[in-house]
Amino acid sequence: RRSAKAEDAPGHQADFHACEDMNQAALDVADRAQPGDVIITV
């Protein structure tokens, strides 16, 4: 993600996180979500 090959589209900035523990990652995503957001498990 930090390399030149993975640049964001102009005007768009994506936040990336890494978490080995899948369950903890799910809780973290839910905690960051706000009304109106969409969460996609992929």
Full PDB file with SEQRES, HELIX, SHEET, SSBOND, CRYST1, ORIGX, SCALE, CONECT and MASTER records, all heavy atoms in Angstrom:
SEQRES   1 A   42  ARG ARG SER ALA LYS ALA GLU ASP ALA PRO GLY HIS GLN          
SEQRES   2 A   42  ALA ASP PHE HIS ALA CYS GLU ASP MET ASN GLN ALA ALA          
SEQRES   3 A   42  LEU ASP VAL ALA ASP ARG ALA GLN PRO GLY ASP VAL ILE          
SEQRES   4 A   42  ILE THR VAL                                                  
HELIX    1 AA1 ALA A    4  ALA A    6  5                                   3    
HELIX    2 AA2 MET A   22  ARG A   32  1                                  11    
CRYST1    1.000    1.000    1.000  90.00  90.00  90.00 P 1           1          
ORIGX1      1.000000  0.000000  0.000000        0.00000                         
ORIGX2      0.000000  1.000000  0.000000        0.00000                         
ORIGX3      0.000000  0.000000  1.000000        0.00000                         
SCALE1      1.000000  0.000000  0.000000        0.00000                         
SCALE2      0.000000  1.000000  0.000000        0.00000                         
SCALE3      0.000000  0.000000  1.000000        0.00000                         
ATOM      1  N   ARG A   1       0.823  -1.206   0.000  1.00  0.00           N  
ATOM      2  CA  ARG A   1       0.000   0.000   0.000  1.00  0.00           C  
ATOM      3  C   ARG A   1       0.862   1.262   0.000  1.00  0.00           C  
ATOM      4  O   ARG A   1       0.504   2.287  -0.578  1.00  0.00           O  
ATOM      5  CB  ARG A   1      -0.917  -0.044   1.237  1.00  0.00           C  
ATOM      6  CG  ARG A   1      -1.648   1.249   1.554  1.00  0.00           C  
ATOM      7  CD  ARG A   1      -2.749   1.504   0.530  1.00  0.00           C  
ATOM      8  NE  ARG A   1      -3.436   2.743   0.820  1.00  0.00           N  
ATOM      9  CZ  ARG A   1      -2.985   3.947   0.506  1.00  0.00           C  
ATOM     10  NH1 ARG A   1      -1.827   4.068  -0.095  1.00  0.00           N  
ATOM     11  NH2 ARG A   1      -3.702   5.020   0.780  1.00  0.00           N  
ATOM     12  N   ARG A   2       1.994   1.172   0.669  1.00  0.00           N  
ATOM     13  CA  ARG A   2       2.859   2.331   0.769  1.00  0.00           C  
ATOM     14  C   ARG A   2       3.741   2.525  -0.457  1.00  0.00           C  
ATOM     15  O   ARG A   2       4.445   3.518  -0.574  1.00  0.00           O  
ATOM     16  CB  ARG A   2       3.728   2.206   2.028  1.00  0.00           C  
ATOM     17  CG  ARG A   2       2.928   2.330   3.327  1.00  0.00           C  
ATOM     18  CD  ARG A   2       3.847   2.436   4.525  1.00  0.00           C  
ATOM     19  NE  ARG A   2       4.476   1.160   4.838  1.00  0.00           N  
ATOM     20  CZ  ARG A   2       3.983   0.275   5.701  1.00  0.00           C  
ATOM     21  NH1 ARG A   2       2.833   0.541   6.336  1.00  0.00           N  
ATOM     22  NH2 ARG A   2       4.603  -0.852   5.937  1.00  0.00           N  
ATOM     23  N   SER A   3       3.732   1.558  -1.365  1.00  0.00           N  
ATOM     24  CA  SER A   3       4.582   1.655  -2.545  1.00  0.00           C  
ATOM     25  C   SER A   3       3.918   2.506  -3.614  1.00  0.00           C  
ATOM     26  O   SER A   3       2.717   2.789  -3.572  1.00  0.00           O  
ATOM     27  CB  SER A   3       4.861   0.260  -3.112  1.00  0.00           C  
ATOM     28  OG  SER A   3       3.712  -0.259  -3.756  1.00  0.00           O  
ATOM     29  N   ALA A   4       4.698   2.892  -4.593  1.00  0.00           N  
ATOM     30  CA  ALA A   4       4.193   3.760  -5.663  1.00  0.00           C  
ATOM     31  C   ALA A   4       3.119   3.071  -6.494  1.00  0.00           C  
ATOM     32  O   ALA A   4       2.292   3.739  -7.119  1.00  0.00           O  
ATOM     33  CB  ALA A   4       5.349   4.192  -6.567  1.00  0.00           C  
ATOM     34  N   LYS A   5       3.100   1.735  -6.495  1.00  0.00           N  
ATOM     35  CA  LYS A   5       2.137   1.007  -7.316  1.00  0.00           C  
ATOM     36  C   LYS A   5       0.740   1.002  -6.709  1.00  0.00           C  
ATOM     37  O   LYS A   5      -0.212   0.565  -7.341  1.00  0.00           O  
ATOM     38  CB  LYS A   5       2.603  -0.445  -7.503  1.00  0.00           C  
ATOM     39  CG  LYS A   5       3.896  -0.575  -8.297  1.00  0.00           C  
ATOM     40  CD  LYS A   5       4.282  -2.041  -8.429  1.00  0.00           C  
ATOM     41  CE  LYS A   5       5.579  -2.191  -9.210  1.00  0.00           C  
ATOM     42  NZ  LYS A   5       5.994  -3.613  -9.314  1.00  0.00           N  
ATOM     43  N   ALA A   6       0.600   1.448  -5.478  1.00  0.00           N  
ATOM     44  CA  ALA A   6      -0.705   1.378  -4.804  1.00  0.00           C  
ATOM     45  C   ALA A   6      -1.183   2.766  -4.406  1.00  0.00           C  
ATOM     46  O   ALA A   6      -1.742   2.956  -3.335  1.00  0.00           O  
ATOM     47  CB  ALA A   6      -0.612   0.472  -3.581  1.00  0.00           C  
ATOM     48  N   GLU A   7      -0.959   3.739  -5.261  1.00  0.00           N  
ATOM     49  CA  GLU A   7      -1.377   5.098  -4.958  1.00  0.00           C  
ATOM     50  C   GLU A   7      -2.891   5.225  -5.014  1.00  0.00           C  
ATOM     51  O   GLU A   7      -3.559   4.574  -5.801  1.00  0.00           O  
ATOM     52  CB  GLU A   7      -0.742   6.075  -5.946  1.00  0.00           C  
ATOM     53  CG  GLU A   7       0.780   6.174  -5.802  1.00  0.00           C  
ATOM     54  CD  GLU A   7       1.364   7.146  -6.809  1.00  0.00           C  
ATOM     55  OE1 GLU A   7       0.604   7.593  -7.684  1.00  0.00           O  
ATOM     56  OE2 GLU A   7       2.562   7.433  -6.711  1.00  0.00           O  
ATOM     57  N   ASP A   8      -3.434   6.106  -4.194  1.00  0.00           N  
ATOM     58  CA  ASP A   8      -4.873   6.373  -4.215  1.00  0.00           C  
ATOM     59  C   ASP A   8      -5.266   7.103  -5.485  1.00  0.00           C  
ATOM     60  O   ASP A   8      -4.442   7.763  -6.132  1.00  0.00           O  
ATOM     61  CB  ASP A   8      -5.261   7.261  -3.032  1.00  0.00           C  
ATOM     62  CG  ASP A   8      -5.358   6.463  -1.745  1.00  0.00           C  
ATOM     63  OD1 ASP A   8      -5.670   5.274  -1.827  1.00  0.00           O  
ATOM     64  OD2 ASP A   8      -5.136   7.056  -0.675  1.00  0.00           O  
ATOM     65  N   ALA A   9      -6.523   6.974  -5.840  1.00  0.00           N  
ATOM     66  CA  ALA A   9      -7.063   7.804  -6.912  1.00  0.00           C  
ATOM     67  C   ALA A   9      -7.038   9.256  -6.455  1.00  0.00           C  
ATOM     68  O   ALA A   9      -7.102   9.540  -5.259  1.00  0.00           O  
ATOM     69  CB  ALA A   9      -8.486   7.367  -7.231  1.00  0.00           C  
ATOM     70  N   PRO A  10      -6.921  10.208  -7.393  1.00  0.00           N  
ATOM     71  CA  PRO A  10      -6.876  11.625  -7.020  1.00  0.00           C  
ATOM     72  C   PRO A  10      -8.068  12.008  -6.149  1.00  0.00           C  
ATOM     73  O   PRO A  10      -9.212  11.660  -6.440  1.00  0.00           O  
ATOM     74  CB  PRO A  10      -6.921  12.335  -8.379  1.00  0.00           C  
ATOM     75  CG  PRO A  10      -6.361  11.341  -9.344  1.00  0.00           C  
ATOM     76  CD  PRO A  10      -6.807  10.005  -8.841  1.00  0.00           C  
ATOM     77  N   GLY A  11      -7.780  12.712  -5.054  1.00  0.00           N  
ATOM     78  CA  GLY A  11      -8.855  13.194  -4.195  1.00  0.00           C  
ATOM     79  C   GLY A  11      -9.401  12.163  -3.239  1.00  0.00           C  
ATOM     80  O   GLY A  11     -10.360  12.428  -2.514  1.00  0.00           O  
ATOM     81  N   HIS A  12      -8.813  10.973  -3.218  1.00  0.00           N  
ATOM     82  CA  HIS A  12      -9.330   9.915  -2.333  1.00  0.00           C  
ATOM     83  C   HIS A  12      -8.207   9.396  -1.455  1.00  0.00           C  
ATOM     84  O   HIS A  12      -7.105   9.144  -1.934  1.00  0.00           O  
ATOM     85  CB  HIS A  12      -9.922   8.770  -3.157  1.00  0.00           C  
ATOM     86  CG  HIS A  12     -10.422   7.622  -2.311  1.00  0.00           C  
ATOM     87  ND1 HIS A  12     -11.584   7.703  -1.587  1.00  0.00           N  
ATOM     88  CD2 HIS A  12      -9.902   6.397  -2.058  1.00  0.00           C  
ATOM     89  CE1 HIS A  12     -11.774   6.567  -0.932  1.00  0.00           C  
ATOM     90  NE2 HIS A  12     -10.770   5.761  -1.207  1.00  0.00           N  
ATOM     91  N   GLN A  13      -8.476   9.237  -0.188  1.00  0.00           N  
ATOM     92  CA  GLN A  13      -7.476   8.739   0.753  1.00  0.00           C  
ATOM     93  C   GLN A  13      -8.082   7.599   1.551  1.00  0.00           C  
ATOM     94  O   GLN A  13      -9.088   7.763   2.236  1.00  0.00           O  
ATOM     95  CB  GLN A  13      -7.045   9.856   1.704  1.00  0.00           C  
ATOM     96  CG  GLN A  13      -5.963   9.455   2.687  1.00  0.00           C  
ATOM     97  CD  GLN A  13      -4.625   9.187   2.018  1.00  0.00           C  
ATOM     98  OE1 GLN A  13      -4.270   9.885   1.076  1.00  0.00           O  
ATOM     99  NE2 GLN A  13      -3.910   8.188   2.493  1.00  0.00           N  
ATOM    100  N   ALA A  14      -7.490   6.416   1.448  1.00  0.00           N  
ATOM    101  CA  ALA A  14      -7.977   5.252   2.177  1.00  0.00           C  
ATOM    102  C   ALA A  14      -7.075   4.979   3.377  1.00  0.00           C  
ATOM    103  O   ALA A  14      -5.852   5.057   3.276  1.00  0.00           O  
ATOM    104  CB  ALA A  14      -8.014   4.029   1.261  1.00  0.00           C  
ATOM    105  N   ASP A  15      -7.675   4.671   4.520  1.00  0.00           N  
ATOM    106  CA  ASP A  15      -6.926   4.310   5.723  1.00  0.00           C  
ATOM    107  C   ASP A  15      -6.780   2.797   5.783  1.00  0.00           C  
ATOM    108  O   ASP A  15      -7.773   2.058   5.663  1.00  0.00           O  
ATOM    109  CB  ASP A  15      -7.660   4.797   6.976  1.00  0.00           C  
ATOM    110  CG  ASP A  15      -7.684   6.311   7.077  1.00  0.00           C  
ATOM    111  OD1 ASP A  15      -6.700   6.948   6.659  1.00  0.00           O  
ATOM    112  OD2 ASP A  15      -8.697   6.856   7.567  1.00  0.00           O  
ATOM    113  N   PHE A  16      -5.554   2.326   5.957  1.00  0.00           N  
ATOM    114  CA  PHE A  16      -5.275   0.890   6.022  1.00  0.00           C  
ATOM    115  C   PHE A  16      -4.824   0.497   7.420  1.00  0.00           C  
ATOM    116  O   PHE A  16      -4.072   1.221   8.075  1.00  0.00           O  
ATOM    117  CB  PHE A  16      -4.182   0.508   5.019  1.00  0.00           C  
ATOM    118  CG  PHE A  16      -4.683   0.198   3.633  1.00  0.00           C  
ATOM    119  CD1 PHE A  16      -5.309   1.173   2.873  1.00  0.00           C  
ATOM    120  CD2 PHE A  16      -4.525  -1.073   3.091  1.00  0.00           C  
ATOM    121  CE1 PHE A  16      -5.760   0.892   1.596  1.00  0.00           C  
ATOM    122  CE2 PHE A  16      -4.980  -1.359   1.815  1.00  0.00           C  
ATOM    123  CZ  PHE A  16      -5.603  -0.382   1.056  1.00  0.00           C  
ATOM    124  N   HIS A  17      -5.285  -0.681   7.862  1.00  0.00           N  
ATOM    125  CA  HIS A  17      -4.897  -1.240   9.149  1.00  0.00           C  
ATOM    126  C   HIS A  17      -4.595  -2.726   8.946  1.00  0.00           C  
ATOM    127  O   HIS A  17      -5.113  -3.357   8.021  1.00  0.00           O  
ATOM    128  CB  HIS A  17      -6.026  -1.107  10.175  1.00  0.00           C  
ATOM    129  CG  HIS A  17      -6.705   0.228  10.184  1.00  0.00           C  
ATOM    130  ND1 HIS A  17      -6.318   1.261  10.995  1.00  0.00           N  
ATOM    131  CD2 HIS A  17      -7.758   0.707   9.451  1.00  0.00           C  
ATOM    132  CE1 HIS A  17      -7.085   2.311  10.778  1.00  0.00           C  
ATOM    133  NE2 HIS A  17      -7.974   2.001   9.859  1.00  0.00           N  
ATOM    134  N   ALA A  18      -3.774  -3.274   9.826  1.00  0.00           N  
ATOM    135  CA  ALA A  18      -3.498  -4.716   9.810  1.00  0.00           C  
ATOM    136  C   ALA A  18      -3.742  -5.257  11.205  1.00  0.00           C  
ATOM    137  O   ALA A  18      -3.345  -4.643  12.202  1.00  0.00           O  
ATOM    138  CB  ALA A  18      -2.069  -4.994   9.376  1.00  0.00           C  
ATOM    139  N   CYS A  19      -4.403  -6.407  11.273  1.00  0.00           N  
ATOM    140  CA  CYS A  19      -4.685  -7.033  12.568  1.00  0.00           C  
ATOM    141  C   CYS A  19      -4.750  -8.539  12.352  1.00  0.00           C  
ATOM    142  O   CYS A  19      -5.654  -9.039  11.672  1.00  0.00           O  
ATOM    143  CB  CYS A  19      -5.992  -6.511  13.153  1.00  0.00           C  
ATOM    144  SG  CYS A  19      -6.390  -7.195  14.775  1.00  0.00           S  
ATOM    145  N   GLU A  20      -3.798  -9.259  12.889  1.00  0.00           N  
ATOM    146  CA  GLU A  20      -3.728 -10.704  12.696  1.00  0.00           C  
ATOM    147  C   GLU A  20      -4.975 -11.403  13.249  1.00  0.00           C  
ATOM    148  O   GLU A  20      -5.507 -12.330  12.636  1.00  0.00           O  
ATOM    149  CB  GLU A  20      -2.477 -11.255  13.375  1.00  0.00           C  
ATOM    150  CG  GLU A  20      -2.284 -12.750  13.205  1.00  0.00           C  
ATOM    151  CD  GLU A  20      -1.895 -13.154  11.793  1.00  0.00           C  
ATOM    152  OE1 GLU A  20      -1.167 -12.389  11.137  1.00  0.00           O  
ATOM    153  OE2 GLU A  20      -2.326 -14.249  11.351  1.00  0.00           O  
ATOM    154  N   ASP A  21      -5.447 -10.956  14.397  1.00  0.00           N  
ATOM    155  CA  ASP A  21      -6.605 -11.569  15.059  1.00  0.00           C  
ATOM    156  C   ASP A  21      -7.891 -11.106  14.373  1.00  0.00           C  
ATOM    157  O   ASP A  21      -8.291  -9.952  14.496  1.00  0.00           O  
ATOM    158  CB  ASP A  21      -6.618 -11.173  16.537  1.00  0.00           C  
ATOM    159  CG  ASP A  21      -7.702 -11.892  17.330  1.00  0.00           C  
ATOM    160  OD1 ASP A  21      -8.860 -11.925  16.865  1.00  0.00           O  
ATOM    161  OD2 ASP A  21      -7.389 -12.412  18.407  1.00  0.00           O  
ATOM    162  N   MET A  22      -8.546 -12.021  13.683  1.00  0.00           N  
ATOM    163  CA  MET A  22      -9.728 -11.683  12.899  1.00  0.00           C  
ATOM    164  C   MET A  22     -10.872 -11.189  13.775  1.00  0.00           C  
ATOM    165  O   MET A  22     -11.584 -10.240  13.411  1.00  0.00           O  
ATOM    166  CB  MET A  22     -10.173 -12.908  12.093  1.00  0.00           C  
ATOM    167  CG  MET A  22     -11.329 -12.687  11.157  1.00  0.00           C  
ATOM    168  SD  MET A  22     -11.584 -14.136  10.094  1.00  0.00           S  
ATOM    169  CE  MET A  22     -12.015 -15.388  11.300  1.00  0.00           C  
ATOM    170  N   ASN A  23     -11.049 -11.798  14.920  1.00  0.00           N  
ATOM    171  CA  ASN A  23     -12.140 -11.391  15.809  1.00  0.00           C  
ATOM    172  C   ASN A  23     -11.925  -9.967  16.315  1.00  0.00           C  
ATOM    173  O   ASN A  23     -12.854  -9.153  16.337  1.00  0.00           O  
ATOM    174  CB  ASN A  23     -12.250 -12.365  16.980  1.00  0.00           C  
ATOM    175  CG  ASN A  23     -13.539 -12.190  17.763  1.00  0.00           C  
ATOM    176  OD1 ASN A  23     -14.588 -12.672  17.361  1.00  0.00           O  
ATOM    177  ND2 ASN A  23     -13.456 -11.501  18.894  1.00  0.00           N  
ATOM    178  N   GLN A  24     -10.694  -9.656  16.731  1.00  0.00           N  
ATOM    179  CA  GLN A  24     -10.396  -8.309  17.195  1.00  0.00           C  
ATOM    180  C   GLN A  24     -10.554  -7.299  16.063  1.00  0.00           C  
ATOM    181  O   GLN A  24     -11.054  -6.191  16.267  1.00  0.00           O  
ATOM    182  CB  GLN A  24      -8.967  -8.242  17.752  1.00  0.00           C  
ATOM    183  CG  GLN A  24      -8.614  -6.889  18.363  1.00  0.00           C  
ATOM    184  CD  GLN A  24      -9.531  -6.512  19.510  1.00  0.00           C  
ATOM    185  OE1 GLN A  24      -9.714  -7.295  20.453  1.00  0.00           O  
ATOM    186  NE2 GLN A  24     -10.131  -5.319  19.445  1.00  0.00           N  
ATOM    187  N   ALA A  25     -10.141  -7.702  14.862  1.00  0.00           N  
ATOM    188  CA  ALA A  25     -10.282  -6.809  13.704  1.00  0.00           C  
ATOM    189  C   ALA A  25     -11.739  -6.485  13.454  1.00  0.00           C  
ATOM    190  O   ALA A  25     -12.092  -5.332  13.147  1.00  0.00           O  
ATOM    191  CB  ALA A  25      -9.664  -7.460  12.462  1.00  0.00           C  
ATOM    192  N   ALA A  26     -12.616  -7.481  13.603  1.00  0.00           N  
ATOM    193  CA  ALA A  26     -14.048  -7.256  13.392  1.00  0.00           C  
ATOM    194  C   ALA A  26     -14.600  -6.275  14.421  1.00  0.00           C  
ATOM    195  O   ALA A  26     -15.393  -5.379  14.092  1.00  0.00           O  
ATOM    196  CB  ALA A  26     -14.794  -8.590  13.464  1.00  0.00           C  
ATOM    197  N   LEU A  27     -14.179  -6.430  15.671  1.00  0.00           N  
ATOM    198  CA  LEU A  27     -14.642  -5.517  16.717  1.00  0.00           C  
ATOM    199  C   LEU A  27     -14.153  -4.095  16.451  1.00  0.00           C  
ATOM    200  O   LEU A  27     -14.903  -3.118  16.634  1.00  0.00           O  
ATOM    201  CB  LEU A  27     -14.144  -5.994  18.085  1.00  0.00           C  
ATOM    202  CG  LEU A  27     -14.691  -7.355  18.560  1.00  0.00           C  
ATOM    203  CD1 LEU A  27     -14.003  -7.766  19.861  1.00  0.00           C  
ATOM    204  CD2 LEU A  27     -16.202  -7.309  18.741  1.00  0.00           C  
ATOM    205  N   ASP A  28     -12.897  -3.982  16.001  1.00  0.00           N  
ATOM    206  CA  ASP A  28     -12.342  -2.658  15.726  1.00  0.00           C  
ATOM    207  C   ASP A  28     -13.102  -1.946  14.608  1.00  0.00           C  
ATOM    208  O   ASP A  28     -13.391  -0.750  14.684  1.00  0.00           O  
ATOM    209  CB  ASP A  28     -10.872  -2.770  15.350  1.00  0.00           C  
ATOM    210  CG  ASP A  28      -9.992  -3.198  16.518  1.00  0.00           C  
ATOM    211  OD1 ASP A  28     -10.467  -3.131  17.661  1.00  0.00           O  
ATOM    212  OD2 ASP A  28      -8.839  -3.619  16.267  1.00  0.00           O  
ATOM    213  N   VAL A  29     -13.420  -2.700  13.538  1.00  0.00           N  
ATOM    214  CA  VAL A  29     -14.155  -2.104  12.416  1.00  0.00           C  
ATOM    215  C   VAL A  29     -15.539  -1.649  12.878  1.00  0.00           C  
ATOM    216  O   VAL A  29     -16.002  -0.550  12.535  1.00  0.00           O  
ATOM    217  CB  VAL A  29     -14.274  -3.099  11.240  1.00  0.00           C  
ATOM    218  CG1 VAL A  29     -15.219  -2.572  10.179  1.00  0.00           C  
ATOM    219  CG2 VAL A  29     -12.904  -3.368  10.635  1.00  0.00           C  
ATOM    220  N   ALA A  30     -16.208  -2.484  13.659  1.00  0.00           N  
ATOM    221  CA  ALA A  30     -17.548  -2.121  14.160  1.00  0.00           C  
ATOM    222  C   ALA A  30     -17.477  -0.874  15.035  1.00  0.00           C  
ATOM    223  O   ALA A  30     -18.354   0.003  14.963  1.00  0.00           O  
ATOM    224  CB  ALA A  30     -18.142  -3.292  14.936  1.00  0.00           C  
ATOM    225  N   ASP A  31     -16.414  -0.768  15.848  1.00  0.00           N  
ATOM    226  CA  ASP A  31     -16.289   0.384  16.749  1.00  0.00           C  
ATOM    227  C   ASP A  31     -16.027   1.680  15.979  1.00  0.00           C  
ATOM    228  O   ASP A  31     -16.426   2.763  16.433  1.00  0.00           O  
ATOM    229  CB  ASP A  31     -15.158   0.139  17.750  1.00  0.00           C  
ATOM    230  CG  ASP A  31     -15.530  -0.900  18.797  1.00  0.00           C  
ATOM    231  OD1 ASP A  31     -16.734  -1.195  18.941  1.00  0.00           O  
ATOM    232  OD2 ASP A  31     -14.612  -1.432  19.461  1.00  0.00           O  
ATOM    233  N   ARG A  32     -15.355   1.579  14.828  1.00  0.00           N  
ATOM    234  CA  ARG A  32     -15.075   2.787  14.044  1.00  0.00           C  
ATOM    235  C   ARG A  32     -16.282   3.228  13.213  1.00  0.00           C  
ATOM    236  O   ARG A  32     -16.347   4.371  12.763  1.00  0.00           O  
ATOM    237  CB  ARG A  32     -13.881   2.560  13.108  1.00  0.00           C  
ATOM    238  CG  ARG A  32     -12.540   2.494  13.806  1.00  0.00           C  
ATOM    239  CD  ARG A  32     -11.388   2.674  12.822  1.00  0.00           C  
ATOM    240  NE  ARG A  32     -11.314   1.617  11.825  1.00  0.00           N  
ATOM    241  CZ  ARG A  32     -10.666   0.464  11.981  1.00  0.00           C  
ATOM    242  NH1 ARG A  32     -10.034   0.226  13.128  1.00  0.00           N  
ATOM    243  NH2 ARG A  32     -10.631  -0.437  11.023  1.00  0.00           N  
ATOM    244  N   ALA A  33     -17.210   2.317  12.978  1.00  0.00           N  
ATOM    245  CA  ALA A  33     -18.331   2.615  12.086  1.00  0.00           C  
ATOM    246  C   ALA A  33     -19.278   3.642  12.694  1.00  0.00           C  
ATOM    247  O   ALA A  33     -19.533   3.649  13.896  1.00  0.00           O  
ATOM    248  CB  ALA A  33     -19.088   1.331  11.760  1.00  0.00           C  
ATOM    249  N   GLN A  34     -19.803   4.494  11.812  1.00  0.00           N  
ATOM    250  CA  GLN A  34     -20.762   5.522  12.198  1.00  0.00           C  
ATOM    251  C   GLN A  34     -22.079   5.292  11.433  1.00  0.00           C  
ATOM    252  O   GLN A  34     -22.082   4.640  10.388  1.00  0.00           O  
ATOM    253  CB  GLN A  34     -20.207   6.910  11.869  1.00  0.00           C  
ATOM    254  CG  GLN A  34     -18.911   7.241  12.588  1.00  0.00           C  
ATOM    255  CD  GLN A  34     -19.074   7.261  14.093  1.00  0.00           C  
ATOM    256  OE1 GLN A  34     -20.054   7.826  14.613  1.00  0.00           O  
ATOM    257  NE2 GLN A  34     -18.143   6.624  14.808  1.00  0.00           N  
ATOM    258  N   PRO A  35     -23.193   5.798  11.943  1.00  0.00           N  
ATOM    259  CA  PRO A  35     -24.463   5.648  11.211  1.00  0.00           C  
ATOM    260  C   PRO A  35     -24.316   6.115   9.769  1.00  0.00           C  
ATOM    261  O   PRO A  35     -23.749   7.179   9.497  1.00  0.00           O  
ATOM    262  CB  PRO A  35     -25.422   6.539  12.008  1.00  0.00           C  
ATOM    263  CG  PRO A  35     -24.875   6.525  13.393  1.00  0.00           C  
ATOM    264  CD  PRO A  35     -23.374   6.515  13.227  1.00  0.00           C  
ATOM    265  N   GLY A  36     -24.815   5.316   8.858  1.00  0.00           N  
ATOM    266  CA  GLY A  36     -24.705   5.612   7.433  1.00  0.00           C  
ATOM    267  C   GLY A  36     -23.570   4.869   6.758  1.00  0.00           C  
ATOM    268  O   GLY A  36     -23.518   4.783   5.526  1.00  0.00           O  
ATOM    269  N   ASP A  37     -22.626   4.303   7.546  1.00  0.00           N  
ATOM    270  CA  ASP A  37     -21.489   3.584   6.966  1.00  0.00           C  
ATOM    271  C   ASP A  37     -21.914   2.209   6.449  1.00  0.00           C  
ATOM    272  O   ASP A  37     -22.945   1.651   6.848  1.00  0.00           O  
ATOM    273  CB  ASP A  37     -20.385   3.391   8.005  1.00  0.00           C  
ATOM    274  CG  ASP A  37     -19.674   4.684   8.363  1.00  0.00           C  
ATOM    275  OD1 ASP A  37     -20.047   5.736   7.807  1.00  0.00           O  
ATOM    276  OD2 ASP A  37     -18.759   4.639   9.213  1.00  0.00           O  
ATOM    277  N   VAL A  38     -21.080   1.656   5.572  1.00  0.00           N  
ATOM    278  CA  VAL A  38     -21.254   0.296   5.056  1.00  0.00           C  
ATOM    279  C   VAL A  38     -19.998  -0.500   5.411  1.00  0.00           C  
ATOM    280  O   VAL A  38     -18.881  -0.071   5.107  1.00  0.00           O  
ATOM    281  CB  VAL A  38     -21.460   0.285   3.532  1.00  0.00           C  
ATOM    282  CG1 VAL A  38     -21.575  -1.151   3.019  1.00  0.00           C  
ATOM    283  CG2 VAL A  38     -22.693   1.090   3.149  1.00  0.00           C  
ATOM    284  N   ILE A  39     -20.173  -1.636   6.068  1.00  0.00           N  
ATOM    285  CA  ILE A  39     -19.059  -2.546   6.366  1.00  0.00           C  
ATOM    286  C   ILE A  39     -19.190  -3.757   5.451  1.00  0.00           C  
ATOM    287  O   ILE A  39     -20.268  -4.347   5.345  1.00  0.00           O  
ATOM    288  CB  ILE A  39     -19.077  -3.002   7.832  1.00  0.00           C  
ATOM    289  CG1 ILE A  39     -18.908  -1.811   8.774  1.00  0.00           C  
ATOM    290  CG2 ILE A  39     -17.975  -4.027   8.092  1.00  0.00           C  
ATOM    291  CD1 ILE A  39     -19.031  -2.177  10.249  1.00  0.00           C  
ATOM    292  N   ILE A  40     -18.088  -4.140   4.801  1.00  0.00           N  
ATOM    293  CA  ILE A  40     -18.105  -5.309   3.923  1.00  0.00           C  
ATOM    294  C   ILE A  40     -17.053  -6.302   4.410  1.00  0.00           C  
ATOM    295  O   ILE A  40     -15.869  -5.972   4.479  1.00  0.00           O  
ATOM    296  CB  ILE A  40     -17.817  -4.944   2.456  1.00  0.00           C  
ATOM    297  CG1 ILE A  40     -18.688  -3.767   2.008  1.00  0.00           C  
ATOM    298  CG2 ILE A  40     -18.062  -6.155   1.556  1.00  0.00           C  
ATOM    299  CD1 ILE A  40     -18.429  -3.332   0.567  1.00  0.00           C  
ATOM    300  N   THR A  41     -17.481  -7.508   4.783  1.00  0.00           N  
ATOM    301  CA  THR A  41     -16.547  -8.589   5.088  1.00  0.00           C  
ATOM    302  C   THR A  41     -16.209  -9.283   3.775  1.00  0.00           C  
ATOM    303  O   THR A  41     -17.107  -9.683   3.026  1.00  0.00           O  
ATOM    304  CB  THR A  41     -17.145  -9.584   6.093  1.00  0.00           C  
ATOM    305  OG1 THR A  41     -18.434 -10.018   5.630  1.00  0.00           O  
ATOM    306  CG2 THR A  41     -17.323  -8.936   7.447  1.00  0.00           C  
ATOM    307  N   VAL A  42     -14.920  -9.432   3.492  1.00  0.00           N  
ATOM    308  CA  VAL A  42     -14.472  -9.856   2.164  1.00  0.00           C  
ATOM    309  C   VAL A  42     -13.450 -10.982   2.286  1.00  0.00           C  
ATOM    310  O   VAL A  42     -12.497 -10.888   3.058  1.00  0.00           O  
ATOM    311  CB  VAL A  42     -13.835  -8.666   1.404  1.00  0.00           C  
ATOM    312  CG1 VAL A  42     -13.390  -9.096   0.005  1.00  0.00           C  
ATOM    313  CG2 VAL A  42     -14.815  -7.500   1.301  1.00  0.00           C  
TER     314      VAL A  42                                                      
MASTER        0    0    0    2    0    0    0    6  313    1    0    4          
END                                                                             
